[in-house]
Amino acid sequence: MRELFLKNLDQEINLKTCLAVNPNLVLRIEDDDCALLFDPDRGSVQMLNQTAVAIWQNIDGQRSLRQIIEGLHDQYKGMDAAANQQIIALVNGLLKLGAIRTREQS
């Protein structure tokens, strides 16, 4: 996998970036196709699809973005480079929302 970078709020995200969820947010799975991500501090709700929930559930503060993507490739056969970009776009969106934070893996 080639190195990918996104700039956001003076943070650089690359495949070595470890991701952690904001512990103040609440994920409520509604059914197999939809979940709600609630931010009680802002009073906002984001809808997540099944794949976004799988990504969210892999963000544990220990795994790098590369490890999350590789795990999803194992879980969802047939993923391609476009899927990788969609995962990165979702992660970037979650970062903008304050739903996740980053730290570099040592």
PDB file of N, CA and C in Angstrom:
ATOM      1  N   MET A   1       0.845  -1.172   0.000  1.00  0.00           N
ATOM      2  CA  MET A   1       0.000   0.000   0.000  1.00  0.00           C
ATOM      3  C   MET A   1       0.893   1.239   0.000  1.00  0.00           C
ATOM      4  N   ARG A   2       0.646   2.142  -0.927  1.00  0.00           N
ATOM      5  CA  ARG A   2       1.474   3.344  -0.946  1.00  0.00           C
ATOM      6  C   ARG A   2       1.058   4.275   0.182  1.00  0.00           C
ATOM      7  N   GLU A   3       1.972   5.147   0.599  1.00  0.00           N
ATOM      8  CA  GLU A   3       1.703   6.064   1.702  1.00  0.00           C
ATOM      9  C   GLU A   3       0.680   7.105   1.272  1.00  0.00           C
ATOM     10  N   LEU A   4      -0.352   7.299   2.054  1.00  0.00           N
ATOM     11  CA  LEU A   4      -1.406   8.261   1.752  1.00  0.00           C
ATOM     12  C   LEU A   4      -1.433   9.314   2.843  1.00  0.00           C
ATOM     13  N   PHE A   5      -1.656  10.547   2.458  1.00  0.00           N
ATOM     14  CA  PHE A   5      -1.696  11.644   3.415  1.00  0.00           C
ATOM     15  C   PHE A   5      -2.948  12.483   3.203  1.00  0.00           C
ATOM     16  N   LEU A   6      -3.512  12.942   4.273  1.00  0.00           N
ATOM     17  CA  LEU A   6      -4.587  13.921   4.239  1.00  0.00           C
ATOM     18  C   LEU A   6      -4.244  14.997   5.245  1.00  0.00           C
ATOM     19  N   LYS A   7      -4.490  16.231   4.901  1.00  0.00           N
ATOM     20  CA  LYS A   7      -4.278  17.328   5.841  1.00  0.00           C
ATOM     21  C   LYS A   7      -5.621  17.723   6.421  1.00  0.00           C
ATOM     22  N   ASN A   8      -5.661  17.922   7.718  1.00  0.00           N
ATOM     23  CA  ASN A   8      -6.888  18.359   8.349  1.00  0.00           C
ATOM     24  C   ASN A   8      -6.561  19.014   9.681  1.00  0.00           C
ATOM     25  N   LEU A   9      -6.951  20.251   9.819  1.00  0.00           N
ATOM     26  CA  LEU A   9      -6.770  20.961  11.085  1.00  0.00           C
ATOM     27  C   LEU A   9      -5.349  20.817  11.620  1.00  0.00           C
ATOM     28  N   ASP A  10      -4.377  21.007  10.745  1.00  0.00           N
ATOM     29  CA  ASP A  10      -2.956  20.925  11.085  1.00  0.00           C
ATOM     30  C   ASP A  10      -2.532  19.534  11.543  1.00  0.00           C
ATOM     31  N   GLN A  11      -3.338  18.524  11.289  1.00  0.00           N
ATOM     32  CA  GLN A  11      -2.961  17.155  11.610  1.00  0.00           C
ATOM     33  C   GLN A  11      -2.717  16.419  10.312  1.00  0.00           C
ATOM     34  N   GLU A  12      -1.676  15.645  10.278  1.00  0.00           N
ATOM     35  CA  GLU A  12      -1.384  14.850   9.100  1.00  0.00           C
ATOM     36  C   GLU A  12      -1.790  13.419   9.373  1.00  0.00           C
ATOM     37  N   ILE A  13      -2.623  12.881   8.502  1.00  0.00           N
ATOM     38  CA  ILE A  13      -3.062  11.506   8.640  1.00  0.00           C
ATOM     39  C   ILE A  13      -2.334  10.687   7.589  1.00  0.00           C
ATOM     40  N   ASN A  14      -1.660   9.643   8.024  1.00  0.00           N
ATOM     41  CA  ASN A  14      -1.071   8.706   7.074  1.00  0.00           C
ATOM     42  C   ASN A  14      -1.390   7.298   7.554  1.00  0.00           C
ATOM     43  N   LEU A  15      -0.908   6.325   6.858  1.00  0.00           N
ATOM     44  CA  LEU A  15      -1.264   4.945   7.185  1.00  0.00           C
ATOM     45  C   LEU A  15      -0.675   4.468   8.507  1.00  0.00           C
ATOM     46  N   LYS A  16       0.303   5.193   9.050  1.00  0.00           N
ATOM     47  CA  LYS A  16       0.879   4.826  10.346  1.00  0.00           C
ATOM     48  C   LYS A  16       0.142   5.475  11.506  1.00  0.00           C
ATOM     49  N   THR A  17      -0.790   6.365  11.195  1.00  0.00           N
ATOM     50  CA  THR A  17      -1.520   7.087  12.220  1.00  0.00           C
ATOM     51  C   THR A  17      -2.422   6.139  13.000  1.00  0.00           C
ATOM     52  N   CYS A  18      -2.287   6.151  14.312  1.00  0.00           N
ATOM     53  CA  CYS A  18      -3.196   5.397  15.174  1.00  0.00           C
ATOM     54  C   CYS A  18      -4.416   6.269  15.442  1.00  0.00           C
ATOM     55  N   LEU A  19      -5.559   5.633  15.494  1.00  0.00           N
ATOM     56  CA  LEU A  19      -6.813   6.346  15.657  1.00  0.00           C
ATOM     57  C   LEU A  19      -7.514   5.899  16.929  1.00  0.00           C
ATOM     58  N   ALA A  20      -8.112   6.858  17.621  1.00  0.00           N
ATOM     59  CA  ALA A  20      -8.876   6.566  18.836  1.00  0.00           C
ATOM     60  C   ALA A  20     -10.197   7.320  18.768  1.00  0.00           C
ATOM     61  N   VAL A  21     -11.257   6.688  19.214  1.00  0.00           N
ATOM     62  CA  VAL A  21     -12.568   7.340  19.203  1.00  0.00           C
ATOM     63  C   VAL A  21     -12.691   8.307  20.372  1.00  0.00           C
ATOM     64  N   ASN A  22     -13.534   9.282  20.196  1.00  0.00           N
ATOM     65  CA  ASN A  22     -13.879  10.211  21.266  1.00  0.00           C
ATOM     66  C   ASN A  22     -14.774   9.437  22.239  1.00  0.00           C
ATOM     67  N   PRO A  23     -14.321   9.240  23.475  1.00  0.00           N
ATOM     68  CA  PRO A  23     -15.093   8.414  24.418  1.00  0.00           C
ATOM     69  C   PRO A  23     -16.413   9.041  24.839  1.00  0.00           C
ATOM     70  N   ASN A  24     -16.631  10.318  24.522  1.00  0.00           N
ATOM     71  CA  ASN A  24     -17.880  10.980  24.889  1.00  0.00           C
ATOM     72  C   ASN A  24     -19.024  10.679  23.920  1.00  0.00           C
ATOM     73  N   LEU A  25     -18.691  10.079  22.774  1.00  0.00           N
ATOM     74  CA  LEU A  25     -19.716   9.786  21.779  1.00  0.00           C
ATOM     75  C   LEU A  25     -20.364   8.434  22.051  1.00  0.00           C
ATOM     76  N   VAL A  26     -21.599   8.323  21.619  1.00  0.00           N
ATOM     77  CA  VAL A  26     -22.367   7.101  21.825  1.00  0.00           C
ATOM     78  C   VAL A  26     -22.762   6.544  20.460  1.00  0.00           C
ATOM     79  N   LEU A  27     -22.431   5.287  20.220  1.00  0.00           N
ATOM     80  CA  LEU A  27     -22.843   4.605  18.991  1.00  0.00           C
ATOM     81  C   LEU A  27     -24.046   3.730  19.317  1.00  0.00           C
ATOM     82  N   ARG A  28     -25.121   3.945  18.580  1.00  0.00           N
ATOM     83  CA  ARG A  28     -26.341   3.138  18.769  1.00  0.00           C
ATOM     84  C   ARG A  28     -26.660   2.465  17.445  1.00  0.00           C
ATOM     85  N   ILE A  29     -26.546   1.154  17.430  1.00  0.00           N
ATOM     86  CA  ILE A  29     -26.845   0.392  16.220  1.00  0.00           C
ATOM     87  C   ILE A  29     -28.346   0.178  16.148  1.00  0.00           C
ATOM     88  N   GLU A  30     -28.947   0.705  15.089  1.00  0.00           N
ATOM     89  CA  GLU A  30     -30.396   0.642  14.908  1.00  0.00           C
ATOM     90  C   GLU A  30     -30.821  -0.668  14.266  1.00  0.00           C
ATOM     91  N   ASP A  31     -30.110  -1.081  13.214  1.00  0.00           N
ATOM     92  CA  ASP A  31     -30.387  -2.343  12.535  1.00  0.00           C
ATOM     93  C   ASP A  31     -29.135  -2.727  11.752  1.00  0.00           C
ATOM     94  N   ASP A  32     -29.245  -3.714  10.878  1.00  0.00           N
ATOM     95  CA  ASP A  32     -28.073  -4.187  10.139  1.00  0.00           C
ATOM     96  C   ASP A  32     -27.503  -3.156   9.177  1.00  0.00           C
ATOM     97  N   ASP A  33     -28.304  -2.173   8.788  1.00  0.00           N
ATOM     98  CA  ASP A  33     -27.880  -1.211   7.773  1.00  0.00           C
ATOM     99  C   ASP A  33     -27.554   0.173   8.305  1.00  0.00           C
ATOM    100  N   CYS A  34     -27.870   0.464   9.549  1.00  0.00           N
ATOM    101  CA  CYS A  34     -27.771   1.846  10.025  1.00  0.00           C
ATOM    102  C   CYS A  34     -27.431   1.903  11.511  1.00  0.00           C
ATOM    103  N   ALA A  35     -26.628   2.896  11.854  1.00  0.00           N
ATOM    104  CA  ALA A  35     -26.330   3.184  13.251  1.00  0.00           C
ATOM    105  C   ALA A  35     -26.291   4.695  13.418  1.00  0.00           C
ATOM    106  N   LEU A  36     -26.483   5.141  14.639  1.00  0.00           N
ATOM    107  CA  LEU A  36     -26.447   6.563  14.952  1.00  0.00           C
ATOM    108  C   LEU A  36     -25.263   6.830  15.864  1.00  0.00           C
ATOM    109  N   LEU A  37     -24.497   7.865  15.530  1.00  0.00           N
ATOM    110  CA  LEU A  37     -23.372   8.300  16.341  1.00  0.00           C
ATOM    111  C   LEU A  37     -23.777   9.628  16.968  1.00  0.00           C
ATOM    112  N   PHE A  38     -23.991   9.612  18.279  1.00  0.00           N
ATOM    113  CA  PHE A  38     -24.521  10.763  19.000  1.00  0.00           C
ATOM    114  C   PHE A  38     -23.417  11.462  19.778  1.00  0.00           C
ATOM    115  N   ASP A  39     -23.350  12.788  19.621  1.00  0.00           N
ATOM    116  CA  ASP A  39     -22.417  13.624  20.360  1.00  0.00           C
ATOM    117  C   ASP A  39     -23.235  14.445  21.352  1.00  0.00           C
ATOM    118  N   PRO A  40     -23.278  14.045  22.625  1.00  0.00           N
ATOM    119  CA  PRO A  40     -24.115  14.759  23.594  1.00  0.00           C
ATOM    120  C   PRO A  40     -23.635  16.178  23.870  1.00  0.00           C
ATOM    121  N   ASP A  41     -22.333  16.441  23.702  1.00  0.00           N
ATOM    122  CA  ASP A  41     -21.818  17.786  23.942  1.00  0.00           C
ATOM    123  C   ASP A  41     -22.332  18.781  22.907  1.00  0.00           C
ATOM    124  N   ARG A  42     -22.444  18.349  21.676  1.00  0.00           N
ATOM    125  CA  ARG A  42     -22.910  19.216  20.589  1.00  0.00           C
ATOM    126  C   ARG A  42     -24.384  19.002  20.264  1.00  0.00           C
ATOM    127  N   GLY A  43     -24.948  17.917  20.763  1.00  0.00           N
ATOM    128  CA  GLY A  43     -26.322  17.593  20.442  1.00  0.00           C
ATOM    129  C   GLY A  43     -26.501  17.178  18.988  1.00  0.00           C
ATOM    130  N   SER A  44     -25.445  16.633  18.395  1.00  0.00           N
ATOM    131  CA  SER A  44     -25.512  16.253  16.982  1.00  0.00           C
ATOM    132  C   SER A  44     -25.548  14.737  16.832  1.00  0.00           C
ATOM    133  N   VAL A  45     -26.129  14.323  15.714  1.00  0.00           N
ATOM    134  CA  VAL A  45     -26.239  12.905  15.395  1.00  0.00           C
ATOM    135  C   VAL A  45     -25.749  12.706  13.965  1.00  0.00           C
ATOM    136  N   GLN A  46     -24.922  11.679  13.766  1.00  0.00           N
ATOM    137  CA  GLN A  46     -24.456  11.288  12.439  1.00  0.00           C
ATOM    138  C   GLN A  46     -24.942   9.877  12.173  1.00  0.00           C
ATOM    139  N   MET A  47     -25.411   9.648  10.962  1.00  0.00           N
ATOM    140  CA  MET A  47     -25.816   8.296  10.575  1.00  0.00           C
ATOM    141  C   MET A  47     -24.610   7.585   9.981  1.00  0.00           C
ATOM    142  N   LEU A  48     -24.410   6.340  10.375  1.00  0.00           N
ATOM    143  CA  LEU A  48     -23.330   5.517   9.848  1.00  0.00           C
ATOM    144  C   LEU A  48     -23.931   4.279   9.202  1.00  0.00           C
ATOM    145  N   ASN A  49     -23.388   3.909   8.043  1.00  0.00           N
ATOM    146  CA  ASN A  49     -23.832   2.662   7.413  1.00  0.00           C
ATOM    147  C   ASN A  49     -23.049   1.489   8.011  1.00  0.00           C
ATOM    148  N   GLN A  50     -23.338   0.299   7.554  1.00  0.00           N
ATOM    149  CA  GLN A  50     -22.737  -0.920   8.109  1.00  0.00           C
ATOM    150  C   GLN A  50     -21.208  -0.899   8.001  1.00  0.00           C
ATOM    151  N   THR A  51     -20.689  -0.458   6.875  1.00  0.00           N
ATOM    152  CA  THR A  51     -19.236  -0.408   6.691  1.00  0.00           C
ATOM    153  C   THR A  51     -18.612   0.629   7.609  1.00  0.00           C
ATOM    154  N   ALA A  52     -19.248   1.785   7.748  1.00  0.00           N
ATOM    155  CA  ALA A  52     -18.737   2.825   8.646  1.00  0.00           C
ATOM    156  C   ALA A  52     -18.726   2.334  10.089  1.00  0.00           C
ATOM    157  N   VAL A  53     -19.724   1.547  10.465  1.00  0.00           N
ATOM    158  CA  VAL A  53     -19.752   0.971  11.816  1.00  0.00           C
ATOM    159  C   VAL A  53     -18.580   0.008  11.994  1.00  0.00           C
ATOM    160  N   ALA A  54     -18.293  -0.802  10.983  1.00  0.00           N
ATOM    161  CA  ALA A  54     -17.152  -1.729  11.062  1.00  0.00           C
ATOM    162  C   ALA A  54     -15.853  -0.954  11.232  1.00  0.00           C
ATOM    163  N   ILE A  55     -15.720   0.150  10.528  1.00  0.00           N
ATOM    164  CA  ILE A  55     -14.522   0.986  10.674  1.00  0.00           C
ATOM    165  C   ILE A  55     -14.475   1.550  12.081  1.00  0.00           C
ATOM    166  N   TRP A  56     -15.583   2.134  12.552  1.00  0.00           N
ATOM    167  CA  TRP A  56     -15.664   2.723  13.894  1.00  0.00           C
ATOM    168  C   TRP A  56     -15.265   1.696  14.957  1.00  0.00           C
ATOM    169  N   GLN A  57     -15.754   0.473  14.815  1.00  0.00           N
ATOM    170  CA  GLN A  57     -15.491  -0.562  15.809  1.00  0.00           C
ATOM    171  C   GLN A  57     -14.023  -1.015  15.796  1.00  0.00           C
ATOM    172  N   ASN A  58     -13.303  -0.719  14.737  1.00  0.00           N
ATOM    173  CA  ASN A  58     -11.881  -1.058  14.663  1.00  0.00           C
ATOM    174  C   ASN A  58     -10.977   0.057  15.167  1.00  0.00           C
ATOM    175  N   ILE A  59     -11.532   1.218  15.408  1.00  0.00           N
ATOM    176  CA  ILE A  59     -10.749   2.348  15.914  1.00  0.00           C
ATOM    177  C   ILE A  59     -10.650   2.199  17.423  1.00  0.00           C
ATOM    178  N   ASP A  60      -9.499   1.711  17.878  1.00  0.00           N
ATOM    179  CA  ASP A  60      -9.347   1.376  19.294  1.00  0.00           C
ATOM    180  C   ASP A  60      -8.190   2.084  19.992  1.00  0.00           C
ATOM    181  N   GLY A  61      -7.524   3.007  19.303  1.00  0.00           N
ATOM    182  CA  GLY A  61      -6.387   3.705  19.905  1.00  0.00           C
ATOM    183  C   GLY A  61      -5.090   2.946  19.792  1.00  0.00           C
ATOM    184  N   GLN A  62      -5.149   1.702  19.338  1.00  0.00           N
ATOM    185  CA  GLN A  62      -3.958   0.871  19.215  1.00  0.00           C
ATOM    186  C   GLN A  62      -3.601   0.584  17.760  1.00  0.00           C
ATOM    187  N   ARG A  63      -4.609   0.483  16.924  1.00  0.00           N
ATOM    188  CA  ARG A  63      -4.393   0.119  15.527  1.00  0.00           C
ATOM    189  C   ARG A  63      -4.135   1.353  14.668  1.00  0.00           C
ATOM    190  N   SER A  64      -3.241   1.160  13.714  1.00  0.00           N
ATOM    191  CA  SER A  64      -2.976   2.219  12.741  1.00  0.00           C
ATOM    192  C   SER A  64      -4.046   2.177  11.661  1.00  0.00           C
ATOM    193  N   LEU A  65      -4.111   3.247  10.897  1.00  0.00           N
ATOM    194  CA  LEU A  65      -5.032   3.282   9.768  1.00  0.00           C
ATOM    195  C   LEU A  65      -4.724   2.138   8.813  1.00  0.00           C
ATOM    196  N   ARG A  66      -3.456   1.834   8.605  1.00  0.00           N
ATOM    197  CA  ARG A  66      -3.073   0.703   7.743  1.00  0.00           C
ATOM    198  C   ARG A  66      -3.655  -0.607   8.274  1.00  0.00           C
ATOM    199  N   GLN A  67      -3.530  -0.847   9.578  1.00  0.00           N
ATOM    200  CA  GLN A  67      -4.041  -2.082  10.165  1.00  0.00           C
ATOM    201  C   GLN A  67      -5.556  -2.166  10.055  1.00  0.00           C
ATOM    202  N   ILE A  68      -6.227  -1.042  10.212  1.00  0.00           N
ATOM    203  CA  ILE A  68      -7.686  -1.027  10.080  1.00  0.00           C
ATOM    204  C   ILE A  68      -8.078  -1.371   8.652  1.00  0.00           C
ATOM    205  N   ILE A  69      -7.418  -0.741   7.683  1.00  0.00           N
ATOM    206  CA  ILE A  69      -7.723  -1.011   6.278  1.00  0.00           C
ATOM    207  C   ILE A  69      -7.433  -2.467   5.934  1.00  0.00           C
ATOM    208  N   GLU A  70      -6.302  -2.991   6.391  1.00  0.00           N
ATOM    209  CA  GLU A  70      -5.967  -4.392   6.109  1.00  0.00           C
ATOM    210  C   GLU A  70      -6.996  -5.340   6.722  1.00  0.00           C
ATOM    211  N   GLY A  71      -7.452  -5.032   7.930  1.00  0.00           N
ATOM    212  CA  GLY A  71      -8.476  -5.848   8.572  1.00  0.00           C
ATOM    213  C   GLY A  71      -9.782  -5.830   7.795  1.00  0.00           C
ATOM    214  N   LEU A  72     -10.121  -4.670   7.248  1.00  0.00           N
ATOM    215  CA  LEU A  72     -11.340  -4.574   6.454  1.00  0.00           C
ATOM    216  C   LEU A  72     -11.202  -5.340   5.147  1.00  0.00           C
ATOM    217  N   HIS A  73      -9.986  -5.372   4.581  1.00  0.00           N
ATOM    218  CA  HIS A  73      -9.759  -6.164   3.372  1.00  0.00           C
ATOM    219  C   HIS A  73      -9.991  -7.643   3.664  1.00  0.00           C
ATOM    220  N   ASP A  74      -9.620  -8.090   4.861  1.00  0.00           N
ATOM    221  CA  ASP A  74      -9.869  -9.479   5.246  1.00  0.00           C
ATOM    222  C   ASP A  74     -11.360  -9.741   5.447  1.00  0.00           C
ATOM    223  N   GLN A  75     -12.052  -8.759   6.014  1.00  0.00           N
ATOM    224  CA  GLN A  75     -13.473  -8.909   6.336  1.00  0.00           C
ATOM    225  C   GLN A  75     -14.348  -8.781   5.090  1.00  0.00           C
ATOM    226  N   TYR A  76     -14.012  -7.846   4.210  1.00  0.00           N
ATOM    227  CA  TYR A  76     -14.806  -7.584   3.012  1.00  0.00           C
ATOM    228  C   TYR A  76     -13.952  -7.888   1.789  1.00  0.00           C
ATOM    229  N   LYS A  77     -14.087  -9.069   1.252  1.00  0.00           N
ATOM    230  CA  LYS A  77     -13.301  -9.494   0.085  1.00  0.00           C
ATOM    231  C   LYS A  77     -13.644  -8.627  -1.123  1.00  0.00           C
ATOM    232  N   GLY A  78     -12.640  -8.357  -1.942  1.00  0.00           N
ATOM    233  CA  GLY A  78     -12.861  -7.607  -3.176  1.00  0.00           C
ATOM    234  C   GLY A  78     -12.715  -6.109  -3.044  1.00  0.00           C
ATOM    235  N   MET A  79     -12.230  -5.622  -1.897  1.00  0.00           N
ATOM    236  CA  MET A  79     -12.008  -4.176  -1.757  1.00  0.00           C
ATOM    237  C   MET A  79     -10.880  -3.744  -2.685  1.00  0.00           C
ATOM    238  N   ASP A  80     -11.004  -2.543  -3.230  1.00  0.00           N
ATOM    239  CA  ASP A  80      -9.990  -2.025  -4.141  1.00  0.00           C
ATOM    240  C   ASP A  80      -9.456  -0.685  -3.649  1.00  0.00           C
ATOM    241  N   ALA A  81      -8.647  -0.035  -4.477  1.00  0.00           N
ATOM    242  CA  ALA A  81      -8.047   1.247  -4.109  1.00  0.00           C
ATOM    243  C   ALA A  81      -9.110   2.311  -3.863  1.00  0.00           C
ATOM    244  N   ALA A  82     -10.209   2.257  -4.602  1.00  0.00           N
ATOM    245  CA  ALA A  82     -11.290   3.222  -4.390  1.00  0.00           C
ATOM    246  C   ALA A  82     -11.888   3.058  -2.989  1.00  0.00           C
ATOM    247  N   ALA A  83     -12.013   1.821  -2.531  1.00  0.00           N
ATOM    248  CA  ALA A  83     -12.520   1.562  -1.181  1.00  0.00           C
ATOM    249  C   ALA A  83     -11.558   2.127  -0.140  1.00  0.00           C
ATOM    250  N   ASN A  84     -10.261   1.976  -0.382  1.00  0.00           N
ATOM    251  CA  ASN A  84      -9.265   2.549   0.539  1.00  0.00           C
ATOM    252  C   ASN A  84      -9.459   4.053   0.660  1.00  0.00           C
ATOM    253  N   GLN A  85      -9.668   4.727  -0.459  1.00  0.00           N
ATOM    254  CA  GLN A  85      -9.874   6.172  -0.454  1.00  0.00           C
ATOM    255  C   GLN A  85     -11.154   6.550   0.287  1.00  0.00           C
ATOM    256  N   GLN A  86     -12.188   5.728   0.156  1.00  0.00           N
ATOM    257  CA  GLN A  86     -13.436   5.993   0.865  1.00  0.00           C
ATOM    258  C   GLN A  86     -13.256   5.841   2.373  1.00  0.00           C
ATOM    259  N   ILE A  87     -12.469   4.864   2.777  1.00  0.00           N
ATOM    260  CA  ILE A  87     -12.177   4.683   4.206  1.00  0.00           C
ATOM    261  C   ILE A  87     -11.436   5.900   4.729  1.00  0.00           C
ATOM    262  N   ILE A  88     -10.445   6.339   3.990  1.00  0.00           N
ATOM    263  CA  ILE A  88      -9.659   7.508   4.409  1.00  0.00           C
ATOM    264  C   ILE A  88     -10.538   8.752   4.460  1.00  0.00           C
ATOM    265  N   ALA A  89     -11.443   8.899   3.500  1.00  0.00           N
ATOM    266  CA  ALA A  89     -12.363  10.043   3.502  1.00  0.00           C
ATOM    267  C   ALA A  89     -13.273   9.993   4.729  1.00  0.00           C
ATOM    268  N   LEU A  90     -13.756   8.804   5.087  1.00  0.00           N
ATOM    269  CA  LEU A  90     -14.589   8.670   6.278  1.00  0.00           C
ATOM    270  C   LEU A  90     -13.799   9.036   7.529  1.00  0.00           C
ATOM    271  N   VAL A  91     -12.576   8.535   7.628  1.00  0.00           N
ATOM    272  CA  VAL A  91     -11.729   8.846   8.785  1.00  0.00           C
ATOM    273  C   VAL A  91     -11.490  10.351   8.871  1.00  0.00           C
ATOM    274  N   ASN A  92     -11.232  10.970   7.736  1.00  0.00           N
ATOM    275  CA  ASN A  92     -11.028  12.416   7.714  1.00  0.00           C
ATOM    276  C   ASN A  92     -12.287  13.145   8.182  1.00  0.00           C
ATOM    277  N   GLY A  93     -13.456  12.683   7.730  1.00  0.00           N
ATOM    278  CA  GLY A  93     -14.709  13.282   8.164  1.00  0.00           C
ATOM    279  C   GLY A  93     -14.941  13.122   9.658  1.00  0.00           C
ATOM    280  N   LEU A  94     -14.623  11.947  10.189  1.00  0.00           N
ATOM    281  CA  LEU A  94     -14.760  11.716  11.630  1.00  0.00           C
ATOM    282  C   LEU A  94     -13.815  12.609  12.426  1.00  0.00           C
ATOM    283  N   LEU A  95     -12.631  12.838  11.883  1.00  0.00           N
ATOM    284  CA  LEU A  95     -11.673  13.728  12.533  1.00  0.00           C
ATOM    285  C   LEU A  95     -12.216  15.152  12.571  1.00  0.00           C
ATOM    286  N   LYS A  96     -12.783  15.618  11.455  1.00  0.00           N
ATOM    287  CA  LYS A  96     -13.362  16.967  11.398  1.00  0.00           C
ATOM    288  C   LYS A  96     -14.497  17.123  12.401  1.00  0.00           C
ATOM    289  N   LEU A  97     -15.270  16.072  12.599  1.00  0.00           N
ATOM    290  CA  LEU A  97     -16.385  16.110  13.543  1.00  0.00           C
ATOM    291  C   LEU A  97     -15.923  16.059  15.000  1.00  0.00           C
ATOM    292  N   GLY A  98     -14.665  15.714  15.220  1.00  0.00           N
ATOM    293  CA  GLY A  98     -14.173  15.538  16.576  1.00  0.00           C
ATOM    294  C   GLY A  98     -14.540  14.177  17.140  1.00  0.00           C
ATOM    295  N   ALA A  99     -14.953  13.268  16.262  1.00  0.00           N
ATOM    296  CA  ALA A  99     -15.361  11.931  16.698  1.00  0.00           C
ATOM    297  C   ALA A  99     -14.170  11.029  16.980  1.00  0.00           C
ATOM    298  N   ILE A 100     -13.033  11.340  16.366  1.00  0.00           N
ATOM    299  CA  ILE A 100     -11.807  10.573  16.599  1.00  0.00           C
ATOM    300  C   ILE A 100     -10.644  11.528  16.791  1.00  0.00           C
ATOM    301  N   ARG A 101      -9.572  10.974  17.298  1.00  0.00           N
ATOM    302  CA  ARG A 101      -8.323  11.725  17.419  1.00  0.00           C
ATOM    303  C   ARG A 101      -7.205  10.863  16.862  1.00  0.00           C
ATOM    304  N   THR A 102      -6.061  11.466  16.659  1.00  0.00           N
ATOM    305  CA  THR A 102      -4.939  10.739  16.076  1.00  0.00           C
ATOM    306  C   THR A 102      -3.745  10.748  17.018  1.00  0.00           C
ATOM    307  N   ARG A 103      -2.878   9.759  16.799  1.00  0.00           N
ATOM    308  CA  ARG A 103      -1.568   9.744  17.441  1.00  0.00           C
ATOM    309  C   ARG A 103      -0.659   8.895  16.561  1.00  0.00           C
ATOM    310  N   GLU A 104       0.575   9.290  16.448  1.00  0.00           N
ATOM    311  CA  GLU A 104       1.510   8.537  15.619  1.00  0.00           C
ATOM    312  C   GLU A 104       1.963   7.284  16.341  1.00  0.00           C
ATOM    313  N   GLN A 105       2.049   6.195  15.599  1.00  0.00           N
ATOM    314  CA  GLN A 105       2.522   4.934  16.152  1.00  0.00           C
ATOM    315  C   GLN A 105       4.035   5.017  16.323  1.00  0.00           C
ATOM    316  N   SER A 106       4.542   4.528  17.432  1.00  0.00           N
ATOM    317  CA  SER A 106       5.994   4.578  17.653  1.00  0.00           C
ATOM    318  C   SER A 106       6.689   3.380  17.096  1.00  0.00           C
TER     319      SER A 106
END
